[in-house]
């Protein structure tokens, strides 16, 4: 039998409950780990010498930049990897994919110039 789909708020609530449970079980070691990571972050980027407003501005710009990079990678990387894989296959085998045409590889609907269509075009000129 199929399970019901899980919504995103349910996943976040479950993750929060698990986090709070882990925090209740191991408060000192988990908190020390987070404090150490925060300290390393502030020392690495020299944030310890900034005012709270400057820290907020720096962290906001960093968060926006990393968010944009993550979104771009999620949107464009799979298609780019597909194109690179098709080109690598073409360069290695010297032939188009068995199940596709050049238009499928490039993602266009342009007609493919075959030797007969080239001869027809050259003959009509």
PDB file of N, CA and C in Angstrom:
ATOM      1  N   UNK A   1       0.838  -1.161   0.000  1.00  0.00           N
ATOM      2  CA  UNK A   1       0.000   0.000   0.000  1.00  0.00           C
ATOM      3  C   UNK A   1       0.892   1.236   0.000  1.00  0.00           C
ATOM      4  N   UNK A   2       0.473   2.285  -0.710  1.00  0.00           N
ATOM      5  CA  UNK A   2       1.258   3.496  -0.825  1.00  0.00           C
ATOM      6  C   UNK A   2       1.143   4.344   0.435  1.00  0.00           C
ATOM      7  N   UNK A   3       2.250   4.945   0.806  1.00  0.00           N
ATOM      8  CA  UNK A   3       2.248   5.823   1.975  1.00  0.00           C
ATOM      9  C   UNK A   3       1.782   7.213   1.562  1.00  0.00           C
ATOM     10  N   UNK A   4       1.194   7.922   2.492  1.00  0.00           N
ATOM     11  CA  UNK A   4       0.735   9.275   2.208  1.00  0.00           C
ATOM     12  C   UNK A   4       1.942  10.193   2.059  1.00  0.00           C
ATOM     13  N   UNK A   5       1.866  11.187   1.160  1.00  0.00           N
ATOM     14  CA  UNK A   5       3.001  12.096   0.995  1.00  0.00           C
ATOM     15  C   UNK A   5       3.236  12.937   2.250  1.00  0.00           C
ATOM     16  N   UNK A   6       4.488  13.181   2.531  1.00  0.00           N
ATOM     17  CA  UNK A   6       4.867  13.937   3.723  1.00  0.00           C
ATOM     18  C   UNK A   6       5.097  15.388   3.311  1.00  0.00           C
ATOM     19  N   UNK A   7       4.502  16.312   4.034  1.00  0.00           N
ATOM     20  CA  UNK A   7       4.647  17.720   3.689  1.00  0.00           C
ATOM     21  C   UNK A   7       5.939  18.279   4.277  1.00  0.00           C
ATOM     22  N   UNK A   8       6.384  19.401   3.737  1.00  0.00           N
ATOM     23  CA  UNK A   8       7.620  20.029   4.179  1.00  0.00           C
ATOM     24  C   UNK A   8       7.556  20.506   5.626  1.00  0.00           C
ATOM     25  N   UNK A   9       6.460  21.113   6.087  1.00  0.00           N
ATOM     26  CA  UNK A   9       6.411  21.491   7.506  1.00  0.00           C
ATOM     27  C   UNK A   9       6.513  20.294   8.448  1.00  0.00           C
ATOM     28  N   UNK A  10       5.971  19.155   8.031  1.00  0.00           N
ATOM     29  CA  UNK A  10       6.066  17.952   8.851  1.00  0.00           C
ATOM     30  C   UNK A  10       7.522  17.506   8.971  1.00  0.00           C
ATOM     31  N   UNK A  11       8.265  17.605   7.878  1.00  0.00           N
ATOM     32  CA  UNK A  11       9.680  17.225   7.894  1.00  0.00           C
ATOM     33  C   UNK A  11      10.458  18.160   8.814  1.00  0.00           C
ATOM     34  N   UNK A  12      10.197  19.475   8.704  1.00  0.00           N
ATOM     35  CA  UNK A  12      10.885  20.429   9.571  1.00  0.00           C
ATOM     36  C   UNK A  12      10.534  20.206  11.040  1.00  0.00           C
ATOM     37  N   UNK A  13       9.281  19.914  11.311  1.00  0.00           N
ATOM     38  CA  UNK A  13       8.881  19.665  12.696  1.00  0.00           C
ATOM     39  C   UNK A  13       9.575  18.420  13.237  1.00  0.00           C
ATOM     40  N   UNK A  14       9.658  17.379  12.416  1.00  0.00           N
ATOM     41  CA  UNK A  14      10.341  16.164  12.837  1.00  0.00           C
ATOM     42  C   UNK A  14      11.821  16.399  13.081  1.00  0.00           C
ATOM     43  N   UNK A  15      12.450  17.176  12.202  1.00  0.00           N
ATOM     44  CA  UNK A  15      13.864  17.489  12.385  1.00  0.00           C
ATOM     45  C   UNK A  15      14.086  18.310  13.655  1.00  0.00           C
ATOM     46  N   UNK A  16      13.176  19.240  13.938  1.00  0.00           N
ATOM     47  CA  UNK A  16      13.298  20.050  15.151  1.00  0.00           C
ATOM     48  C   UNK A  16      13.140  19.189  16.399  1.00  0.00           C
ATOM     49  N   UNK A  17      12.216  18.248  16.371  1.00  0.00           N
ATOM     50  CA  UNK A  17      12.011  17.361  17.520  1.00  0.00           C
ATOM     51  C   UNK A  17      13.247  16.494  17.751  1.00  0.00           C
ATOM     52  N   UNK A  18      13.815  15.967  16.677  1.00  0.00           N
ATOM     53  CA  UNK A  18      15.022  15.144  16.799  1.00  0.00           C
ATOM     54  C   UNK A  18      16.180  15.984  17.339  1.00  0.00           C
ATOM     55  N   UNK A  19      16.313  17.218  16.852  1.00  0.00           N
ATOM     56  CA  UNK A  19      17.366  18.106  17.332  1.00  0.00           C
ATOM     57  C   UNK A  19      17.196  18.399  18.820  1.00  0.00           C
ATOM     58  N   UNK A  20      15.976  18.709  19.234  1.00  0.00           N
ATOM     59  CA  UNK A  20      15.724  18.996  20.649  1.00  0.00           C
ATOM     60  C   UNK A  20      15.959  17.767  21.522  1.00  0.00           C
ATOM     61  N   UNK A  21      15.607  16.595  21.000  1.00  0.00           N
ATOM     62  CA  UNK A  21      15.842  15.351  21.736  1.00  0.00           C
ATOM     63  C   UNK A  21      17.348  15.124  21.920  1.00  0.00           C
ATOM     64  N   UNK A  22      18.124  15.343  20.840  1.00  0.00           N
ATOM     65  CA  UNK A  22      19.583  15.186  20.938  1.00  0.00           C
ATOM     66  C   UNK A  22      20.171  16.216  21.888  1.00  0.00           C
ATOM     67  N   UNK A  23      19.626  17.428  21.863  1.00  0.00           N
ATOM     68  CA  UNK A  23      20.101  18.476  22.758  1.00  0.00           C
ATOM     69  C   UNK A  23      19.811  18.133  24.212  1.00  0.00           C
ATOM     70  N   UNK A  24      18.654  17.482  24.457  1.00  0.00           N
ATOM     71  CA  UNK A  24      18.306  17.097  25.823  1.00  0.00           C
ATOM     72  C   UNK A  24      19.202  15.947  26.311  1.00  0.00           C
ATOM     73  N   UNK A  25      19.583  15.053  25.408  1.00  0.00           N
ATOM     74  CA  UNK A  25      20.414  13.919  25.808  1.00  0.00           C
ATOM     75  C   UNK A  25      21.876  14.319  26.025  1.00  0.00           C
ATOM     76  N   UNK A  26      22.401  15.142  25.131  1.00  0.00           N
ATOM     77  CA  UNK A  26      23.807  15.514  25.188  1.00  0.00           C
ATOM     78  C   UNK A  26      23.945  17.034  25.161  1.00  0.00           C
ATOM     79  N   UNK A  27      23.518  17.712  26.196  1.00  0.00           N
ATOM     80  CA  UNK A  27      23.527  19.179  26.123  1.00  0.00           C
ATOM     81  C   UNK A  27      24.928  19.776  26.104  1.00  0.00           C
ATOM     82  N   UNK A  28      25.805  19.251  26.897  1.00  0.00           N
ATOM     83  CA  UNK A  28      27.108  19.908  27.015  1.00  0.00           C
ATOM     84  C   UNK A  28      27.975  19.678  25.772  1.00  0.00           C
ATOM     85  N   UNK A  29      28.053  18.455  25.279  1.00  0.00           N
ATOM     86  CA  UNK A  29      28.933  18.190  24.144  1.00  0.00           C
ATOM     87  C   UNK A  29      28.393  18.814  22.864  1.00  0.00           C
ATOM     88  N   UNK A  30      27.092  18.755  22.645  1.00  0.00           N
ATOM     89  CA  UNK A  30      26.512  19.338  21.444  1.00  0.00           C
ATOM     90  C   UNK A  30      26.623  20.858  21.464  1.00  0.00           C
ATOM     91  N   UNK A  31      26.363  21.452  22.608  1.00  0.00           N
ATOM     92  CA  UNK A  31      26.484  22.903  22.723  1.00  0.00           C
ATOM     93  C   UNK A  31      27.936  23.355  22.571  1.00  0.00           C
ATOM     94  N   UNK A  32      28.846  22.612  23.131  1.00  0.00           N
ATOM     95  CA  UNK A  32      30.262  22.956  22.973  1.00  0.00           C
ATOM     96  C   UNK A  32      30.692  22.862  21.508  1.00  0.00           C
ATOM     97  N   UNK A  33      30.176  21.859  20.806  1.00  0.00           N
ATOM     98  CA  UNK A  33      30.502  21.699  19.390  1.00  0.00           C
ATOM     99  C   UNK A  33      29.989  22.901  18.591  1.00  0.00           C
ATOM    100  N   UNK A  34      28.729  23.323  18.834  1.00  0.00           N
ATOM    101  CA  UNK A  34      28.180  24.488  18.135  1.00  0.00           C
ATOM    102  C   UNK A  34      28.945  25.765  18.493  1.00  0.00           C
ATOM    103  N   UNK A  35      29.319  25.916  19.760  1.00  0.00           N
ATOM    104  CA  UNK A  35      30.088  27.089  20.164  1.00  0.00           C
ATOM    105  C   UNK A  35      31.459  27.103  19.491  1.00  0.00           C
ATOM    106  N   UNK A  36      32.078  25.935  19.377  1.00  0.00           N
ATOM    107  CA  UNK A  36      33.376  25.844  18.728  1.00  0.00           C
ATOM    108  C   UNK A  36      33.272  26.188  17.247  1.00  0.00           C
ATOM    109  N   UNK A  37      32.220  25.683  16.587  1.00  0.00           N
ATOM    110  CA  UNK A  37      32.020  25.991  15.166  1.00  0.00           C
ATOM    111  C   UNK A  37      31.735  27.475  14.954  1.00  0.00           C
ATOM    112  N   UNK A  38      30.965  28.086  15.826  1.00  0.00           N
ATOM    113  CA  UNK A  38      30.682  29.519  15.731  1.00  0.00           C
ATOM    114  C   UNK A  38      31.965  30.316  15.950  1.00  0.00           C
ATOM    115  N   UNK A  39      32.760  29.909  16.918  1.00  0.00           N
ATOM    116  CA  UNK A  39      34.036  30.581  17.179  1.00  0.00           C
ATOM    117  C   UNK A  39      34.963  30.462  15.970  1.00  0.00           C
ATOM    118  N   UNK A  40      35.056  29.268  15.379  1.00  0.00           N
ATOM    119  CA  UNK A  40      35.905  29.077  14.205  1.00  0.00           C
ATOM    120  C   UNK A  40      35.435  29.948  13.043  1.00  0.00           C
ATOM    121  N   UNK A  41      34.129  30.057  12.858  1.00  0.00           N
ATOM    122  CA  UNK A  41      33.560  30.889  11.800  1.00  0.00           C
ATOM    123  C   UNK A  41      33.908  32.358  12.026  1.00  0.00           C
ATOM    124  N   UNK A  42      33.750  32.833  13.253  1.00  0.00           N
ATOM    125  CA  UNK A  42      34.031  34.238  13.537  1.00  0.00           C
ATOM    126  C   UNK A  42      35.522  34.555  13.421  1.00  0.00           C
ATOM    127  N   UNK A  43      36.379  33.634  13.830  1.00  0.00           N
ATOM    128  CA  UNK A  43      37.818  33.878  13.747  1.00  0.00           C
ATOM    129  C   UNK A  43      38.293  33.780  12.297  1.00  0.00           C
ATOM    130  N   UNK A  44      37.753  32.847  11.548  1.00  0.00           N
ATOM    131  CA  UNK A  44      38.173  32.667  10.160  1.00  0.00           C
ATOM    132  C   UNK A  44      37.850  33.910   9.329  1.00  0.00           C
ATOM    133  N   UNK A  45      36.663  34.470   9.489  1.00  0.00           N
ATOM    134  CA  UNK A  45      36.245  35.627   8.711  1.00  0.00           C
ATOM    135  C   UNK A  45      36.436  36.949   9.464  1.00  0.00           C
ATOM    136  N   UNK A  46      37.123  36.939  10.578  1.00  0.00           N
ATOM    137  CA  UNK A  46      37.393  38.130  11.394  1.00  0.00           C
ATOM    138  C   UNK A  46      36.127  38.867  11.800  1.00  0.00           C
ATOM    139  N   UNK A  47      35.088  38.132  12.110  1.00  0.00           N
ATOM    140  CA  UNK A  47      33.825  38.751  12.508  1.00  0.00           C
ATOM    141  C   UNK A  47      33.834  39.182  13.965  1.00  0.00           C
ATOM    142  N   UNK A  48      34.752  38.666  14.743  1.00  0.00           N
ATOM    143  CA  UNK A  48      34.777  38.992  16.174  1.00  0.00           C
ATOM    144  C   UNK A  48      35.086  40.457  16.429  1.00  0.00           C
ATOM    145  N   UNK A  49      35.673  41.143  15.447  1.00  0.00           N
ATOM    146  CA  UNK A  49      36.006  42.550  15.647  1.00  0.00           C
ATOM    147  C   UNK A  49      34.943  43.495  15.079  1.00  0.00           C
ATOM    148  N   UNK A  50      33.882  42.965  14.497  1.00  0.00           N
ATOM    149  CA  UNK A  50      32.830  43.796  13.922  1.00  0.00           C
ATOM    150  C   UNK A  50      31.731  44.061  14.938  1.00  0.00           C
ATOM    151  N   UNK A  51      30.977  45.114  14.687  1.00  0.00           N
ATOM    152  CA  UNK A  51      29.808  45.402  15.525  1.00  0.00           C
ATOM    153  C   UNK A  51      28.692  44.441  15.135  1.00  0.00           C
ATOM    154  N   UNK A  52      27.668  44.308  15.979  1.00  0.00           N
ATOM    155  CA  UNK A  52      26.570  43.400  15.628  1.00  0.00           C
ATOM    156  C   UNK A  52      25.880  43.757  14.300  1.00  0.00           C
ATOM    157  N   UNK A  53      25.759  45.055  13.998  1.00  0.00           N
ATOM    158  CA  UNK A  53      25.150  45.455  12.726  1.00  0.00           C
ATOM    159  C   UNK A  53      26.014  45.029  11.547  1.00  0.00           C
ATOM    160  N   UNK A  54      27.306  45.205  11.648  1.00  0.00           N
ATOM    161  CA  UNK A  54      28.214  44.795  10.587  1.00  0.00           C
ATOM    162  C   UNK A  54      28.215  43.278  10.404  1.00  0.00           C
ATOM    163  N   UNK A  55      28.156  42.555  11.518  1.00  0.00           N
ATOM    164  CA  UNK A  55      28.056  41.090  11.435  1.00  0.00           C
ATOM    165  C   UNK A  55      26.789  40.681  10.701  1.00  0.00           C
ATOM    166  N   UNK A  56      25.671  41.351  11.028  1.00  0.00           N
ATOM    167  CA  UNK A  56      24.396  41.029  10.389  1.00  0.00           C
ATOM    168  C   UNK A  56      24.468  41.293   8.887  1.00  0.00           C
ATOM    169  N   UNK A  57      25.057  42.406   8.496  1.00  0.00           N
ATOM    170  CA  UNK A  57      25.171  42.728   7.074  1.00  0.00           C
ATOM    171  C   UNK A  57      26.057  41.704   6.368  1.00  0.00           C
ATOM    172  N   UNK A  58      27.202  41.389   6.957  1.00  0.00           N
ATOM    173  CA  UNK A  58      28.106  40.403   6.362  1.00  0.00           C
ATOM    174  C   UNK A  58      27.429  39.041   6.228  1.00  0.00           C
ATOM    175  N   UNK A  59      26.782  38.588   7.302  1.00  0.00           N
ATOM    176  CA  UNK A  59      26.119  37.281   7.270  1.00  0.00           C
ATOM    177  C   UNK A  59      24.964  37.271   6.272  1.00  0.00           C
ATOM    178  N   UNK A  60      24.247  38.380   6.136  1.00  0.00           N
ATOM    179  CA  UNK A  60      23.148  38.455   5.167  1.00  0.00           C
ATOM    180  C   UNK A  60      23.659  38.353   3.743  1.00  0.00           C
ATOM    181  N   UNK A  61      24.737  39.081   3.449  1.00  0.00           N
ATOM    182  CA  UNK A  61      25.302  39.021   2.100  1.00  0.00           C
ATOM    183  C   UNK A  61      25.843  37.628   1.810  1.00  0.00           C
ATOM    184  N   UNK A  62      26.516  37.030   2.778  1.00  0.00           N
ATOM    185  CA  UNK A  62      27.035  35.676   2.593  1.00  0.00           C
ATOM    186  C   UNK A  62      25.900  34.673   2.383  1.00  0.00           C
ATOM    187  N   UNK A  63      24.833  34.793   3.173  1.00  0.00           N
ATOM    188  CA  UNK A  63      23.694  33.894   3.032  1.00  0.00           C
ATOM    189  C   UNK A  63      23.034  34.053   1.659  1.00  0.00           C
ATOM    190  N   UNK A  64      22.835  35.295   1.209  1.00  0.00           N
ATOM    191  CA  UNK A  64      22.226  35.516  -0.102  1.00  0.00           C
ATOM    192  C   UNK A  64      23.100  34.971  -1.225  1.00  0.00           C
ATOM    193  N   UNK A  65      24.406  35.186  -1.127  1.00  0.00           N
ATOM    194  CA  UNK A  65      25.311  34.671  -2.151  1.00  0.00           C
ATOM    195  C   UNK A  65      25.285  33.143  -2.207  1.00  0.00           C
ATOM    196  N   UNK A  66      25.380  32.509  -1.047  1.00  0.00           N
ATOM    197  CA  UNK A  66      25.363  31.041  -1.027  1.00  0.00           C
ATOM    198  C   UNK A  66      24.013  30.495  -1.473  1.00  0.00           C
ATOM    199  N   UNK A  67      22.927  31.190  -1.155  1.00  0.00           N
ATOM    200  CA  UNK A  67      21.599  30.766  -1.609  1.00  0.00           C
ATOM    201  C   UNK A  67      21.495  30.830  -3.126  1.00  0.00           C
ATOM    202  N   UNK A  68      21.987  31.916  -3.715  1.00  0.00           N
ATOM    203  CA  UNK A  68      21.938  32.046  -5.169  1.00  0.00           C
ATOM    204  C   UNK A  68      22.797  30.984  -5.860  1.00  0.00           C
ATOM    205  N   UNK A  69      23.961  30.705  -5.305  1.00  0.00           N
ATOM    206  CA  UNK A  69      24.818  29.670  -5.882  1.00  0.00           C
ATOM    207  C   UNK A  69      24.144  28.309  -5.786  1.00  0.00           C
ATOM    208  N   UNK A  70      23.529  28.012  -4.652  1.00  0.00           N
ATOM    209  CA  UNK A  70      22.841  26.734  -4.473  1.00  0.00           C
ATOM    210  C   UNK A  70      21.677  26.590  -5.445  1.00  0.00           C
ATOM    211  N   UNK A  71      20.899  27.635  -5.604  1.00  0.00           N
ATOM    212  CA  UNK A  71      19.763  27.592  -6.537  1.00  0.00           C
ATOM    213  C   UNK A  71      20.261  27.419  -7.968  1.00  0.00           C
ATOM    214  N   UNK A  72      21.322  28.137  -8.339  1.00  0.00           N
ATOM    215  CA  UNK A  72      21.863  28.011  -9.690  1.00  0.00           C
ATOM    216  C   UNK A  72      22.379  26.599  -9.949  1.00  0.00           C
ATOM    217  N   UNK A  73      23.054  26.037  -8.969  1.00  0.00           N
ATOM    218  CA  UNK A  73      23.560  24.665  -9.130  1.00  0.00           C
ATOM    219  C   UNK A  73      22.399  23.682  -9.273  1.00  0.00           C
ATOM    220  N   UNK A  74      21.368  23.846  -8.467  1.00  0.00           N
ATOM    221  CA  UNK A  74      20.231  22.930  -8.523  1.00  0.00           C
ATOM    222  C   UNK A  74      19.469  23.052  -9.837  1.00  0.00           C
ATOM    223  N   UNK A  75      19.416  24.251 -10.394  1.00  0.00           N
ATOM    224  CA  UNK A  75      18.646  24.445 -11.625  1.00  0.00           C
ATOM    225  C   UNK A  75      19.433  24.087 -12.879  1.00  0.00           C
ATOM    226  N   UNK A  76      20.693  24.478 -12.946  1.00  0.00           N
ATOM    227  CA  UNK A  76      21.427  24.386 -14.202  1.00  0.00           C
ATOM    228  C   UNK A  76      22.444  23.262 -14.280  1.00  0.00           C
ATOM    229  N   UNK A  77      22.932  22.759 -13.174  1.00  0.00           N
ATOM    230  CA  UNK A  77      23.975  21.736 -13.231  1.00  0.00           C
ATOM    231  C   UNK A  77      23.502  20.417 -13.858  1.00  0.00           C
ATOM    232  N   UNK A  78      22.298  19.905 -13.551  1.00  0.00           N
ATOM    233  CA  UNK A  78      21.903  18.634 -14.172  1.00  0.00           C
ATOM    234  C   UNK A  78      21.873  18.704 -15.705  1.00  0.00           C
ATOM    235  N   UNK A  79      21.348  19.790 -16.264  1.00  0.00           N
ATOM    236  CA  UNK A  79      21.305  19.934 -17.725  1.00  0.00           C
ATOM    237  C   UNK A  79      22.716  20.061 -18.285  1.00  0.00           C
ATOM    238  N   UNK A  80      23.578  20.797 -17.603  1.00  0.00           N
ATOM    239  CA  UNK A  80      24.949  20.968 -18.074  1.00  0.00           C
ATOM    240  C   UNK A  80      25.698  19.638 -18.062  1.00  0.00           C
ATOM    241  N   UNK A  81      25.524  18.861 -17.013  1.00  0.00           N
ATOM    242  CA  UNK A  81      26.171  17.541 -16.945  1.00  0.00           C
ATOM    243  C   UNK A  81      25.658  16.646 -18.061  1.00  0.00           C
ATOM    244  N   UNK A  82      24.367  16.731 -18.363  1.00  0.00           N
ATOM    245  CA  UNK A  82      23.792  15.943 -19.452  1.00  0.00           C
ATOM    246  C   UNK A  82      24.414  16.323 -20.795  1.00  0.00           C
ATOM    247  N   UNK A  83      24.560  17.605 -21.052  1.00  0.00           N
ATOM    248  CA  UNK A  83      25.165  18.049 -22.309  1.00  0.00           C
ATOM    249  C   UNK A  83      26.613  17.588 -22.391  1.00  0.00           C
ATOM    250  N   UNK A  84      27.369  17.724 -21.309  1.00  0.00           N
ATOM    251  CA  UNK A  84      28.772  17.296 -21.303  1.00  0.00           C
ATOM    252  C   UNK A  84      28.868  15.780 -21.523  1.00  0.00           C
ATOM    253  N   UNK A  85      27.972  15.019 -20.911  1.00  0.00           N
ATOM    254  CA  UNK A  85      27.992  13.567 -21.088  1.00  0.00           C
ATOM    255  C   UNK A  85      27.687  13.184 -22.537  1.00  0.00           C
ATOM    256  N   UNK A  86      26.722  13.868 -23.153  1.00  0.00           N
ATOM    257  CA  UNK A  86      26.412  13.583 -24.552  1.00  0.00           C
ATOM    258  C   UNK A  86      27.585  13.938 -25.464  1.00  0.00           C
ATOM    259  N   UNK A  87      28.238  15.056 -25.187  1.00  0.00           N
ATOM    260  CA  UNK A  87      29.399  15.433 -25.997  1.00  0.00           C
ATOM    261  C   UNK A  87      30.541  14.447 -25.806  1.00  0.00           C
ATOM    262  N   UNK A  88      30.766  14.008 -24.582  1.00  0.00           N
ATOM    263  CA  UNK A  88      31.828  13.024 -24.326  1.00  0.00           C
ATOM    264  C   UNK A  88      31.533  11.721 -25.057  1.00  0.00           C
ATOM    265  N   UNK A  89      30.265  11.300 -25.048  1.00  0.00           N
ATOM    266  CA  UNK A  89      29.901  10.079 -25.769  1.00  0.00           C
ATOM    267  C   UNK A  89      30.151  10.249 -27.268  1.00  0.00           C
ATOM    268  N   UNK A  90      29.800  11.421 -27.795  1.00  0.00           N
ATOM    269  CA  UNK A  90      30.003  11.670 -29.219  1.00  0.00           C
ATOM    270  C   UNK A  90      31.494  11.659 -29.557  1.00  0.00           C
ATOM    271  N   UNK A  91      32.330  12.291 -28.723  1.00  0.00           N
ATOM    272  CA  UNK A  91      33.756  12.340 -29.000  1.00  0.00           C
ATOM    273  C   UNK A  91      34.402  10.964 -28.862  1.00  0.00           C
ATOM    274  N   UNK A  92      33.906  10.149 -27.945  1.00  0.00           N
ATOM    275  CA  UNK A  92      34.490   8.819 -27.753  1.00  0.00           C
ATOM    276  C   UNK A  92      34.026   7.827 -28.803  1.00  0.00           C
ATOM    277  N   UNK A  93      32.747   7.873 -29.168  1.00  0.00           N
ATOM    278  CA  UNK A  93      32.217   6.868 -30.081  1.00  0.00           C
ATOM    279  C   UNK A  93      32.177   7.338 -31.524  1.00  0.00           C
ATOM    280  N   UNK A  94      32.163   8.646 -31.747  1.00  0.00           N
ATOM    281  CA  UNK A  94      32.094   9.159 -33.113  1.00  0.00           C
ATOM    282  C   UNK A  94      30.708   9.068 -33.704  1.00  0.00           C
ATOM    283  N   UNK A  95      29.723   8.755 -32.892  1.00  0.00           N
ATOM    284  CA  UNK A  95      28.357   8.606 -33.372  1.00  0.00           C
ATOM    285  C   UNK A  95      27.420   9.259 -32.371  1.00  0.00           C
ATOM    286  N   UNK A  96      26.232   9.578 -32.841  1.00  0.00           N
ATOM    287  CA  UNK A  96      25.229  10.117 -31.936  1.00  0.00           C
ATOM    288  C   UNK A  96      24.706   9.008 -31.040  1.00  0.00           C
ATOM    289  N   UNK A  97      23.968   9.370 -30.029  1.00  0.00           N
ATOM    290  CA  UNK A  97      23.397   8.377 -29.135  1.00  0.00           C
ATOM    291  C   UNK A  97      22.477   7.443 -29.908  1.00  0.00           C
ATOM    292  N   UNK A  98      22.404   6.206 -29.480  1.00  0.00           N
ATOM    293  CA  UNK A  98      21.597   5.211 -30.183  1.00  0.00           C
ATOM    294  C   UNK A  98      20.107   5.560 -30.163  1.00  0.00           C
ATOM    295  N   UNK A  99      19.637   6.135 -29.049  1.00  0.00           N
ATOM    296  CA  UNK A  99      18.213   6.414 -28.919  1.00  0.00           C
ATOM    297  C   UNK A  99      17.855   7.854 -29.247  1.00  0.00           C
ATOM    298  N   UNK A 100      18.804   8.655 -29.648  1.00  0.00           N
ATOM    299  CA  UNK A 100      18.506  10.063 -29.850  1.00  0.00           C
ATOM    300  C   UNK A 100      19.090  10.593 -31.133  1.00  0.00           C
ATOM    301  N   UNK A 101      18.768  11.825 -31.411  1.00  0.00           N
ATOM    302  CA  UNK A 101      19.319  12.512 -32.564  1.00  0.00           C
ATOM    303  C   UNK A 101      20.118  13.694 -32.061  1.00  0.00           C
ATOM    304  N   UNK A 102      20.695  14.420 -32.985  1.00  0.00           N
ATOM    305  CA  UNK A 102      21.474  15.595 -32.579  1.00  0.00           C
ATOM    306  C   UNK A 102      20.574  16.624 -31.925  1.00  0.00           C
ATOM    307  N   UNK A 103      19.323  16.706 -32.356  1.00  0.00           N
ATOM    308  CA  UNK A 103      18.419  17.683 -31.751  1.00  0.00           C
ATOM    309  C   UNK A 103      18.091  17.288 -30.312  1.00  0.00           C
ATOM    310  N   UNK A 104      18.026  15.984 -30.031  1.00  0.00           N
ATOM    311  CA  UNK A 104      17.790  15.559 -28.648  1.00  0.00           C
ATOM    312  C   UNK A 104      18.995  15.870 -27.769  1.00  0.00           C
ATOM    313  N   UNK A 105      20.189  15.717 -28.315  1.00  0.00           N
ATOM    314  CA  UNK A 105      21.397  15.957 -27.540  1.00  0.00           C
ATOM    315  C   UNK A 105      21.519  17.428 -27.183  1.00  0.00           C
ATOM    316  N   UNK A 106      21.233  18.298 -28.152  1.00  0.00           N
ATOM    317  CA  UNK A 106      21.390  19.724 -27.937  1.00  0.00           C
ATOM    318  C   UNK A 106      20.148  20.373 -27.362  1.00  0.00           C
ATOM    319  N   UNK A 107      19.025  19.663 -27.336  1.00  0.00           N
ATOM    320  CA  UNK A 107      17.811  20.220 -26.763  1.00  0.00           C
ATOM    321  C   UNK A 107      17.104  21.182 -27.705  1.00  0.00           C
ATOM    322  N   UNK A 108      17.363  21.071 -29.001  1.00  0.00           N
ATOM    323  CA  UNK A 108      16.711  21.941 -29.973  1.00  0.00           C
ATOM    324  C   UNK A 108      15.814  21.120 -30.872  1.00  0.00           C
ATOM    325  N   UNK A 109      15.001  21.816 -31.657  1.00  0.00           N
ATOM    326  CA  UNK A 109      14.114  21.122 -32.596  1.00  0.00           C
ATOM    327  C   UNK A 109      14.555  21.339 -34.030  1.00  0.00           C
ATOM    328  N   UNK A 110      15.799  21.767 -34.231  1.00  0.00           N
ATOM    329  CA  UNK A 110      16.317  22.031 -35.578  1.00  0.00           C
ATOM    330  C   UNK A 110      16.489  20.720 -36.328  1.00  0.00           C
ATOM    331  N   UNK A 111      16.299  20.801 -37.657  1.00  0.00           N
ATOM    332  CA  UNK A 111      16.502  19.622 -38.495  1.00  0.00           C
ATOM    333  C   UNK A 111      17.987  19.321 -38.605  1.00  0.00           C
ATOM    334  N   UNK A 112      18.288  18.055 -38.792  1.00  0.00           N
ATOM    335  CA  UNK A 112      19.677  17.628 -38.905  1.00  0.00           C
ATOM    336  C   UNK A 112      20.056  17.633 -40.374  1.00  0.00           C
ATOM    337  N   UNK A 113      21.237  18.180 -40.677  1.00  0.00           N
ATOM    338  CA  UNK A 113      21.713  18.179 -42.054  1.00  0.00           C
ATOM    339  C   UNK A 113      22.399  16.851 -42.333  1.00  0.00           C
ATOM    340  N   UNK A 114      21.790  16.040 -43.130  1.00  0.00           N
ATOM    341  CA  UNK A 114      22.375  14.761 -43.523  1.00  0.00           C
ATOM    342  C   UNK A 114      23.044  14.955 -44.875  1.00  0.00           C
ATOM    343  N   UNK A 115      23.845  14.016 -45.317  1.00  0.00           N
ATOM    344  CA  UNK A 115      24.493  14.172 -46.632  1.00  0.00           C
ATOM    345  C   UNK A 115      23.492  14.387 -47.766  1.00  0.00           C
ATOM    346  N   UNK A 116      22.330  13.750 -47.704  1.00  0.00           N
ATOM    347  CA  UNK A 116      21.346  13.926 -48.782  1.00  0.00           C
ATOM    348  C   UNK A 116      20.749  15.323 -48.769  1.00  0.00           C
ATOM    349  N   UNK A 117      20.461  15.855 -47.576  1.00  0.00           N
ATOM    350  CA  UNK A 117      19.909  17.210 -47.531  1.00  0.00           C
ATOM    351  C   UNK A 117      20.956  18.239 -47.911  1.00  0.00           C
ATOM    352  N   UNK A 118      22.222  17.989 -47.620  1.00  0.00           N
ATOM    353  CA  UNK A 118      23.272  18.902 -48.038  1.00  0.00           C
ATOM    354  C   UNK A 118      23.406  18.881 -49.557  1.00  0.00           C
ATOM    355  N   UNK A 119      23.321  17.688 -50.147  1.00  0.00           N
ATOM    356  CA  UNK A 119      23.391  17.581 -51.602  1.00  0.00           C
ATOM    357  C   UNK A 119      22.193  18.271 -52.245  1.00  0.00           C
ATOM    358  N   UNK A 120      21.025  18.146 -51.664  1.00  0.00           N
ATOM    359  CA  UNK A 120      19.837  18.800 -52.197  1.00  0.00           C
ATOM    360  C   UNK A 120      19.983  20.314 -52.148  1.00  0.00           C
ATOM    361  N   UNK A 121      20.506  20.805 -51.028  1.00  0.00           N
ATOM    362  CA  UNK A 121      20.700  22.254 -50.887  1.00  0.00           C
ATOM    363  C   UNK A 121      21.753  22.731 -51.863  1.00  0.00           C
ATOM    364  N   UNK A 122      22.852  21.987 -52.014  1.00  0.00           N
ATOM    365  CA  UNK A 122      23.914  22.387 -52.928  1.00  0.00           C
ATOM    366  C   UNK A 122      23.449  22.307 -54.378  1.00  0.00           C
ATOM    367  N   UNK A 123      22.605  21.320 -54.695  1.00  0.00           N
ATOM    368  CA  UNK A 123      22.099  21.171 -56.057  1.00  0.00           C
ATOM    369  C   UNK A 123      21.113  22.255 -56.440  1.00  0.00           C
ATOM    370  N   UNK A 124      20.379  22.792 -55.475  1.00  0.00           N
ATOM    371  CA  UNK A 124      19.383  23.793 -55.799  1.00  0.00           C
ATOM    372  C   UNK A 124      19.995  25.185 -55.901  1.00  0.00           C
ATOM    373  N   UNK A 125      21.238  25.341 -55.464  1.00  0.00           N
ATOM    374  CA  UNK A 125      21.851  26.672 -55.477  1.00  0.00           C
ATOM    375  C   UNK A 125      22.402  27.054 -56.816  1.00  0.00           C
TER     376      UNK A 125
END
